[in-house]
Protein backbone atom coordinates (compact mmCIF):
# COMPACT_ATOMS: atom_id res chain seq x y z
CA UNK A 1 -26.91 -30.14 -32.31
CA UNK A 2 -27.04 -31.64 -35.87
CA UNK A 3 -26.97 -29.91 -39.18
CA UNK A 4 -27.85 -32.04 -41.71
CA UNK A 5 -27.14 -31.09 -45.20
CA UNK A 6 -28.76 -32.75 -48.89
CA UNK A 7 -30.39 -31.53 -51.24
CA UNK A 8 -32.41 -34.45 -51.42
CA UNK A 9 -36.10 -34.30 -49.16
CA UNK A 10 -35.82 -38.00 -48.90
CA UNK A 11 -32.10 -38.32 -47.86
CA UNK A 12 -33.47 -35.70 -45.44
CA UNK A 13 -36.36 -37.34 -44.06
CA UNK A 14 -34.79 -40.79 -43.10
CA UNK A 15 -31.35 -39.08 -41.54
CA UNK A 16 -33.83 -36.78 -39.43
CA UNK A 17 -35.98 -39.64 -38.10
CA UNK A 18 -32.85 -42.07 -37.23
CA UNK A 19 -31.31 -38.83 -35.33
CA UNK A 20 -34.65 -38.01 -33.97
CA UNK A 21 -35.29 -41.30 -32.03
CA UNK A 22 -31.93 -41.07 -30.76
CA UNK A 23 -33.25 -38.21 -29.25
CA UNK A 24 -30.50 -35.65 -30.78
CA UNK A 25 -32.10 -31.68 -32.11
CA UNK A 26 -31.78 -31.62 -35.69
CA UNK A 27 -31.86 -29.11 -38.00
CA UNK A 28 -31.75 -28.78 -42.06
CA UNK A 29 -30.50 -27.38 -44.81
CA UNK A 30 -31.32 -28.31 -48.43
CA UNK A 31 -28.18 -26.88 -50.20
CA UNK A 32 -24.52 -25.69 -49.33
CA UNK A 33 -25.77 -21.70 -49.01
CA UNK A 34 -28.80 -22.69 -47.06
CA UNK A 35 -26.57 -24.19 -44.79
CA UNK A 36 -23.80 -21.10 -44.31
CA UNK A 37 -26.88 -18.80 -44.08
CA UNK A 38 -27.84 -21.19 -41.13
CA UNK A 39 -25.04 -21.24 -39.41
CA UNK A 40 -25.08 -17.16 -38.52
CA UNK A 41 -28.65 -18.30 -36.23
CA UNK A 42 -27.73 -21.64 -35.09
CA UNK A 43 -24.03 -23.06 -34.16
CA UNK A 44 -24.32 -26.41 -34.17
CA UNK A 45 -22.47 -29.67 -33.02
CA UNK A 46 -21.71 -31.71 -35.95
CA UNK A 47 -22.35 -31.14 -39.36
CA UNK A 48 -23.91 -34.22 -42.07
CA UNK A 49 -22.81 -33.01 -45.27
CA UNK A 50 -24.15 -34.11 -48.55
CA UNK A 51 -21.02 -34.27 -51.42
CA UNK A 52 -22.97 -34.04 -54.99
CA UNK A 53 -25.17 -30.64 -54.38
CA UNK A 54 -26.08 -28.45 -57.29
CA UNK A 55 -24.37 -25.00 -57.23
CA UNK A 56 -22.43 -25.96 -54.34
CA UNK A 57 -21.30 -28.97 -54.26
CA UNK A 58 -20.46 -30.72 -50.30
CA UNK A 59 -16.44 -29.89 -50.65
CA UNK A 60 -16.67 -26.13 -52.02
CA UNK A 61 -19.55 -25.96 -48.67
CA UNK A 62 -16.79 -27.83 -46.22
CA UNK A 63 -13.99 -25.54 -47.43
CA UNK A 64 -15.89 -21.96 -47.07
CA UNK A 65 -17.34 -23.28 -43.73
CA UNK A 66 -13.74 -24.22 -42.51
CA UNK A 67 -12.56 -19.85 -43.78
CA UNK A 68 -15.13 -18.66 -41.44
CA UNK A 69 -13.08 -18.91 -37.82
CA UNK A 70 -15.81 -18.88 -35.61
CA UNK A 71 -17.47 -22.35 -37.43
CA UNK A 72 -14.42 -23.92 -38.06
CA UNK A 73 -13.64 -26.58 -35.32
CA UNK A 74 -17.47 -27.99 -35.90
CA UNK A 75 -16.96 -31.27 -36.75
CA UNK A 76 -18.26 -32.47 -40.74
CA UNK A 77 -19.06 -35.76 -41.53
CA UNK A 78 -19.47 -36.39 -45.32
CA UNK A 79 -22.77 -38.45 -46.51
CA UNK A 80 -21.75 -40.02 -49.74
CA UNK A 81 -22.34 -42.29 -52.41
CA UNK A 82 -18.53 -41.55 -53.51
CA UNK A 83 -16.50 -44.76 -52.48
CA UNK A 84 -13.04 -43.67 -54.52
CA UNK A 85 -10.32 -43.49 -52.20
CA UNK A 86 -9.14 -39.70 -54.47
CA UNK A 87 -12.89 -38.40 -53.42
CA UNK A 88 -12.72 -39.30 -49.71
CA UNK A 89 -9.26 -37.39 -49.76
CA UNK A 90 -10.40 -34.65 -51.58
CA UNK A 91 -12.95 -34.30 -48.83
CA UNK A 92 -10.51 -34.79 -45.56
CA UNK A 93 -8.33 -32.23 -47.43
CA UNK A 94 -11.35 -30.36 -47.20
CA UNK A 95 -11.11 -30.44 -43.53
CA UNK A 96 -14.00 -32.76 -43.28
CA UNK A 97 -13.15 -35.60 -40.36
CA UNK A 98 -14.98 -38.89 -41.98
CA UNK A 99 -16.66 -40.51 -44.74
CA UNK A 100 -19.94 -41.63 -44.32
CA UNK A 101 -20.66 -43.85 -47.21
CA UNK A 102 -24.51 -44.96 -49.16
CA UNK A 103 -27.03 -46.22 -48.00
CA UNK A 104 -25.41 -46.06 -44.38
CA UNK A 105 -26.02 -48.53 -41.69
CA UNK A 106 -27.45 -46.97 -39.01
CA UNK A 107 -25.38 -48.61 -36.33
CA UNK A 108 -22.21 -47.14 -37.95
CA UNK A 109 -23.19 -43.54 -38.29
CA UNK A 110 -24.35 -43.20 -34.87
CA UNK A 111 -21.06 -44.48 -33.63
CA UNK A 112 -18.97 -41.97 -35.46
CA UNK A 113 -21.57 -39.51 -34.96
CA UNK A 114 -21.08 -40.60 -31.03
CA UNK A 115 -17.36 -40.50 -31.67
CA UNK A 116 -16.87 -37.31 -33.07
CA UNK A 117 -19.40 -35.04 -30.68
CA UNK A 118 -17.11 -37.06 -27.95
CA UNK A 119 -14.02 -35.66 -29.46
CA UNK A 120 -15.49 -32.21 -29.82
CA UNK A 121 -16.25 -31.64 -25.94
CA UNK A 122 -13.10 -33.48 -24.83
CA UNK A 123 -10.82 -31.14 -27.78
CA UNK A 124 -13.42 -28.04 -26.03
CA UNK A 125 -12.17 -29.21 -21.96
CA UNK A 126 -8.95 -29.03 -23.25
CA UNK A 127 -8.75 -25.81 -24.61
CA UNK A 128 -10.85 -24.54 -21.79
CA UNK A 129 -8.37 -26.37 -19.34
CA UNK A 130 -5.50 -24.42 -21.45
CA UNK A 131 -7.12 -21.05 -21.61
CA UNK A 132 -7.12 -21.46 -18.02
CA UNK A 133 -3.73 -22.70 -17.61
CA UNK A 134 -2.41 -19.84 -19.21
CA UNK A 135 -4.24 -17.28 -17.49
CA UNK A 136 -3.25 -18.73 -13.83
CA UNK A 137 0.40 -18.85 -15.45
CA UNK A 138 -0.09 -15.43 -16.37
CA UNK A 139 -1.57 -14.17 -12.97
CA UNK A 140 1.54 -16.65 -11.02
CA UNK A 141 3.64 -14.59 -13.41
CA UNK A 142 2.75 -11.59 -12.32
CA UNK A 143 2.44 -11.69 -8.95
CA UNK A 144 5.68 -13.67 -9.26
CA UNK A 145 7.62 -10.24 -10.91
CA UNK A 146 5.82 -8.21 -8.05
CA UNK A 147 7.28 -10.25 -5.38
CA UNK A 148 10.55 -9.99 -7.57
CA UNK A 149 10.62 -6.19 -7.08
CA UNK A 150 9.23 -6.23 -3.61
CA UNK A 151 12.26 -8.46 -2.77
CA UNK A 152 14.25 -5.83 -4.65
CA UNK A 153 13.14 -3.22 -3.02
CA UNK A 154 13.05 -4.85 0.67
CA UNK A 155 16.46 -5.81 -0.46
CA UNK A 156 17.45 -2.03 -1.10
CA UNK A 157 15.56 -1.23 1.99
CA UNK A 158 17.48 -3.12 4.13
CA UNK A 159 20.90 -2.57 3.13
CA UNK A 160 19.98 1.29 4.01
CA UNK A 161 18.40 0.25 7.34
CA UNK A 162 21.53 -1.61 8.35
CA UNK A 163 23.72 1.32 6.91
CA UNK A 164 21.41 3.79 9.64
CA UNK A 165 20.86 1.89 12.40
CA UNK A 166 24.97 0.88 12.21
CA UNK A 167 24.76 4.74 11.71
CA UNK A 168 22.37 5.38 14.90
CA UNK A 169 24.11 2.61 17.08
CA UNK A 170 27.60 3.73 16.35
CA UNK A 171 27.66 7.22 16.50
CA UNK A 172 26.28 8.10 20.02
CA UNK A 173 27.92 4.47 21.09
CA UNK A 174 31.42 6.44 20.29
CA UNK A 175 30.40 9.35 21.89
CA UNK A 176 29.86 7.47 25.16
CA UNK A 177 32.99 5.59 24.94
CA UNK A 178 34.73 8.88 23.90
CA UNK A 179 33.40 11.42 26.86
CA UNK A 180 33.41 8.31 29.18
CA UNK A 181 37.24 8.25 28.67
CA UNK A 182 37.67 11.63 29.45
CA UNK A 183 35.76 11.54 32.32
CA UNK A 184 38.27 8.92 33.70
CA UNK A 185 41.39 11.22 33.18
CA UNK A 186 39.53 14.93 34.25
CA UNK A 187 39.45 16.57 37.68
CA UNK A 188 37.28 19.38 37.10
CA UNK A 189 34.07 19.24 38.03
CA UNK A 190 32.84 21.69 36.07
CA UNK A 191 33.94 19.37 32.92
CA UNK A 192 32.83 16.36 34.61
CA UNK A 193 29.12 17.72 34.50
CA UNK A 194 29.57 18.93 30.75
CA UNK A 195 30.98 15.47 29.31
CA UNK A 196 27.80 13.91 31.46
CA UNK A 197 25.69 16.22 29.69
CA UNK A 198 26.98 15.03 26.68
CA UNK A 199 26.77 10.91 27.66
CA UNK A 200 23.34 11.77 29.19
CA UNK A 201 21.99 13.32 25.16
CA UNK A 202 24.17 10.28 23.47
CA UNK A 203 22.50 7.97 25.54
CA UNK A 204 18.78 9.72 25.27
CA UNK A 205 19.46 9.46 21.31
CA UNK A 206 20.04 6.08 21.37
CA UNK A 207 17.27 5.24 23.64
CA UNK A 208 15.24 7.10 21.46
CA UNK A 209 15.95 5.42 18.05
CA UNK A 210 15.88 2.00 19.53
CA UNK A 211 12.48 2.56 20.92
CA UNK A 212 10.92 3.96 17.70
CA UNK A 213 12.93 1.49 16.03
CA UNK A 214 11.13 -1.13 17.65
CA UNK A 215 7.60 0.54 17.31
CA UNK A 216 7.94 0.81 13.99
CA UNK A 217 8.99 -2.85 13.64
CA UNK A 218 5.93 -3.92 16.09
CA UNK A 219 3.25 -1.77 13.82
CA UNK A 220 4.95 -2.89 10.67
CA UNK A 221 3.66 -6.95 11.69
CA UNK A 222 0.61 -5.43 12.92
CA UNK A 223 1.46 -7.71 16.29
CA UNK A 224 0.12 -5.03 18.68
CA UNK A 225 -2.74 -4.60 21.23
CA UNK A 226 -3.95 -0.92 21.35
CA UNK A 227 -5.66 0.27 24.39
CA UNK A 228 -7.72 3.00 23.77
CA UNK A 229 -8.21 5.15 26.50
CA UNK A 230 -9.59 9.05 26.94
CA UNK A 231 -7.22 10.92 26.99
CA UNK A 232 -7.21 14.80 27.97
CA UNK A 233 -4.96 16.38 25.49
CA UNK A 234 -3.56 19.26 28.10
CA UNK A 235 -2.03 16.38 30.46
CA UNK A 236 -0.81 14.41 27.14
CA UNK A 237 1.16 18.02 25.66
CA UNK A 238 2.40 18.79 29.13
CA UNK A 239 3.77 15.31 29.89
CA UNK A 240 5.74 15.65 25.78
CA UNK A 241 6.91 18.88 27.03
CA UNK A 242 8.34 17.83 30.07
CA UNK A 243 10.16 15.15 28.57
CA UNK A 244 12.11 17.49 25.33
CA UNK A 245 12.27 19.99 28.57
CA UNK A 246 16.43 20.06 27.30
CA UNK A 247 15.71 21.01 23.73
CA UNK A 248 12.56 23.43 24.55
CA UNK A 249 14.81 25.32 26.83
CA UNK A 250 18.06 25.80 24.55
CA UNK A 251 16.43 26.91 21.49
CA UNK A 252 14.68 29.24 23.45
CA UNK A 253 11.16 28.67 22.14
CA UNK A 254 8.06 29.08 23.77
CA UNK A 255 4.24 27.64 23.68
CA UNK A 256 1.24 29.07 22.56
CA UNK A 257 -1.24 26.07 22.97
CA UNK A 258 -5.24 26.01 22.09
CA UNK A 259 -7.05 22.88 22.97
CA UNK A 260 -9.71 24.14 26.08
CA UNK A 261 -10.33 20.83 27.60
CA UNK A 262 -11.13 18.46 24.70
CA UNK A 263 -10.61 14.98 24.63
CA UNK A 264 -8.81 12.52 22.10
CA UNK A 265 -9.45 8.75 21.74
CA UNK A 266 -5.84 6.68 21.78
CA UNK A 267 -3.55 4.42 23.01
CA UNK A 268 -1.56 6.73 25.41
CA UNK A 269 1.76 5.23 24.70
CA UNK A 270 1.65 5.74 21.15
CA UNK A 271 -0.20 8.99 20.98
CA UNK A 272 2.89 9.99 23.09
CA UNK A 273 4.89 8.98 20.89
CA UNK A 274 3.32 10.63 17.95
CA UNK A 275 3.08 14.02 19.81
CA UNK A 276 6.68 13.76 20.66
CA UNK A 277 8.12 13.44 17.37
CA UNK A 278 5.96 16.48 15.82
CA UNK A 279 6.45 18.48 18.94
CA UNK A 280 10.76 17.64 18.80
CA UNK A 281 11.03 18.11 14.96
CA UNK A 282 8.78 21.59 15.51
CA UNK A 283 11.44 23.03 18.13
CA UNK A 284 14.17 21.60 16.18
CA UNK A 285 13.32 23.73 13.08
CA UNK A 286 11.85 26.63 14.09
CA UNK A 287 13.61 29.44 14.76
CA UNK A 288 15.36 30.68 18.23
CA UNK A 289 13.39 32.53 20.70
CA UNK A 290 10.37 31.76 18.46
CA UNK A 291 6.88 30.10 19.43
CA UNK A 292 5.57 26.90 18.19
CA UNK A 293 1.46 26.62 18.12
CA UNK A 294 -0.57 23.84 19.34
CA UNK A 295 -3.91 24.19 18.07
CA UNK A 296 -7.17 21.28 18.95
CA UNK A 297 -10.90 21.99 16.77
CA UNK A 298 -12.93 19.11 17.64
CA UNK A 299 -15.48 17.91 15.13
CA UNK A 300 -18.11 15.47 14.95
CA UNK A 301 -16.20 12.36 14.49
CA UNK A 302 -13.06 13.22 16.38
CA UNK A 303 -10.63 15.67 17.00
CA UNK A 304 -7.53 17.71 15.05
CA UNK A 305 -4.31 18.87 16.65
CA UNK A 306 -2.40 20.74 14.62
CA UNK A 307 1.01 21.72 15.82
CA UNK A 308 2.62 24.64 13.69
CA UNK A 309 6.18 25.80 13.87
CA UNK A 310 8.09 28.80 12.14
CA UNK A 311 10.91 27.34 10.50
CA UNK A 312 12.00 27.03 7.15
CA UNK A 313 8.78 24.82 6.16
CA UNK A 314 9.73 21.36 4.34
CA UNK A 315 12.30 20.83 1.12
CA UNK A 316 10.68 19.82 -1.50
CA UNK A 317 12.85 16.29 -1.58
CA UNK A 318 11.47 15.91 1.62
CA UNK A 319 7.44 16.51 1.12
CA UNK A 320 8.46 13.66 -2.17
CA UNK A 321 8.99 11.01 0.53
CA UNK A 322 7.34 12.01 4.18
CA UNK A 323 6.31 8.87 5.42
CA UNK A 324 9.05 6.44 3.73
CA UNK A 325 10.97 5.02 6.06
CA UNK A 326 14.93 6.06 6.38
CA UNK A 327 15.01 8.15 4.04
CA UNK A 328 18.09 10.25 4.53
CA UNK A 329 18.18 14.12 3.37
CA UNK A 330 14.80 14.76 4.65
CA UNK A 331 14.84 18.26 6.18
CA UNK A 332 12.56 17.12 8.45
CA UNK A 333 14.36 14.13 10.22
CA UNK A 334 17.07 14.85 12.00
CA UNK A 335 18.91 12.01 13.99
CA UNK A 336 16.85 9.69 12.60
CA UNK A 337 16.74 9.79 9.16
CA UNK A 338 12.83 9.36 8.64
CA UNK A 339 12.56 6.89 10.71
CA UNK A 340 9.98 9.48 12.86
CA UNK A 341 7.18 10.37 10.25
CA UNK A 342 6.90 6.99 8.44
CA UNK A 343 6.59 6.32 12.30
CA UNK A 344 3.88 8.47 13.23
CA UNK A 345 1.28 7.53 10.21
CA UNK A 346 2.21 3.59 11.16
CA UNK A 347 0.14 5.24 14.78
CA UNK A 348 -2.25 7.35 13.15
CA UNK A 349 -2.76 4.12 10.75
CA UNK A 350 -3.73 2.00 13.91
CA UNK A 351 -6.41 5.14 15.48
CA UNK A 352 -7.76 5.09 11.86
CA UNK A 353 -6.87 8.39 11.75
CA UNK A 354 -4.97 10.98 9.72
CA UNK A 355 -1.49 12.82 9.77
CA UNK A 356 -1.20 15.63 6.89
CA UNK A 357 1.55 17.89 6.31
CA UNK A 358 1.96 20.52 4.62
CA UNK A 359 3.92 24.40 4.22
CA UNK A 360 2.73 27.39 5.25
CA UNK A 361 3.43 31.30 4.35
CA UNK A 362 6.30 30.61 7.54
CA UNK A 363 7.09 27.28 9.07
CA UNK A 364 4.89 24.00 8.68
CA UNK A 365 2.15 22.00 10.10
CA UNK A 366 1.46 18.43 10.75
CA UNK A 367 -2.05 17.56 11.24
CA UNK A 368 -3.25 14.68 13.38
CA UNK A 369 -7.22 13.69 12.50
CA UNK A 370 -8.30 11.15 16.23
CA UNK A 371 -11.63 9.71 15.95
CA UNK A 372 -14.14 9.55 18.08
CA UNK A 373 -14.49 5.64 17.79
CA UNK A 374 -11.82 3.54 17.15
CA UNK A 375 -11.93 -0.65 16.36
CA UNK A 376 -10.07 -2.46 18.39
CA UNK A 377 -7.39 -4.91 16.26
């Protein structure tokens, strides 16, 4: 749209007829003030502005328009009989882009209109492109900053991971080497049996950590296949108790199991590992000669399995980072420094289930929810 501003109705008629002939949409204003008022209703692509007008001349009108931010980029061309250089310079200094002298040449007028409209379109396209590029740069910068922070965190986790790996492997290996040397130099059958038991515990500790670390890595990468089965909870828990028989005997812990004949939909291996970690720690942190309760509750959408101990509960430090891997100083963890709860969380995520941990008046409870149906990965 082109806005033509002139106090002479004959000029408006001639210019309007020419522009409409070339299929331009045209609006007219009879004064500078009228033109400024019209701008609130329309936003023209270009303004043809007469210089010599009463009350507010073309230069003043141009200056006023250029002070209004939303209209400042509209190209203004002066239509004027003034052909003095200083008048043209004044007009350009006001913000106009060109002068077209009256009586104007129609082809020249159309050529200059098309030129400045084309320049306006290209300028707007460049501005839009700049805005888009700035947004993309800002987004990319934010992504890079986030990636950089993640790399820093990963580097810290890696360093802690390597420290724990070193500790968890070296400690049982040193025990294995030490007790092996003792056995070689021992003749007493009683001592050999004692050292063999120590060796067995060290080997199991190393094996447990290795399996947990491998499972954690597999689940974190998402490269697993879930093998869903209908598992009888009683069988699952009894198998876990057999694997933990030694520590259960050492602590003289008894079990109060109330799971009836409930079943869960789960991967047998991963579900067993999860329950083993939770029951193992419940036994470790229970008082000697106490008991651990395992209670199952069926709901319409799945089964809750609760493992309750009567120990000291989780420390505030532990509660703040329950599911973070390799978090030392956690009351839940023992030899594997926070890996087991993090692994349990991943196992329950794999089953689209839940894990909740909270303290009781005496002891703590770790609750697992196994849904009735799980979409296969």
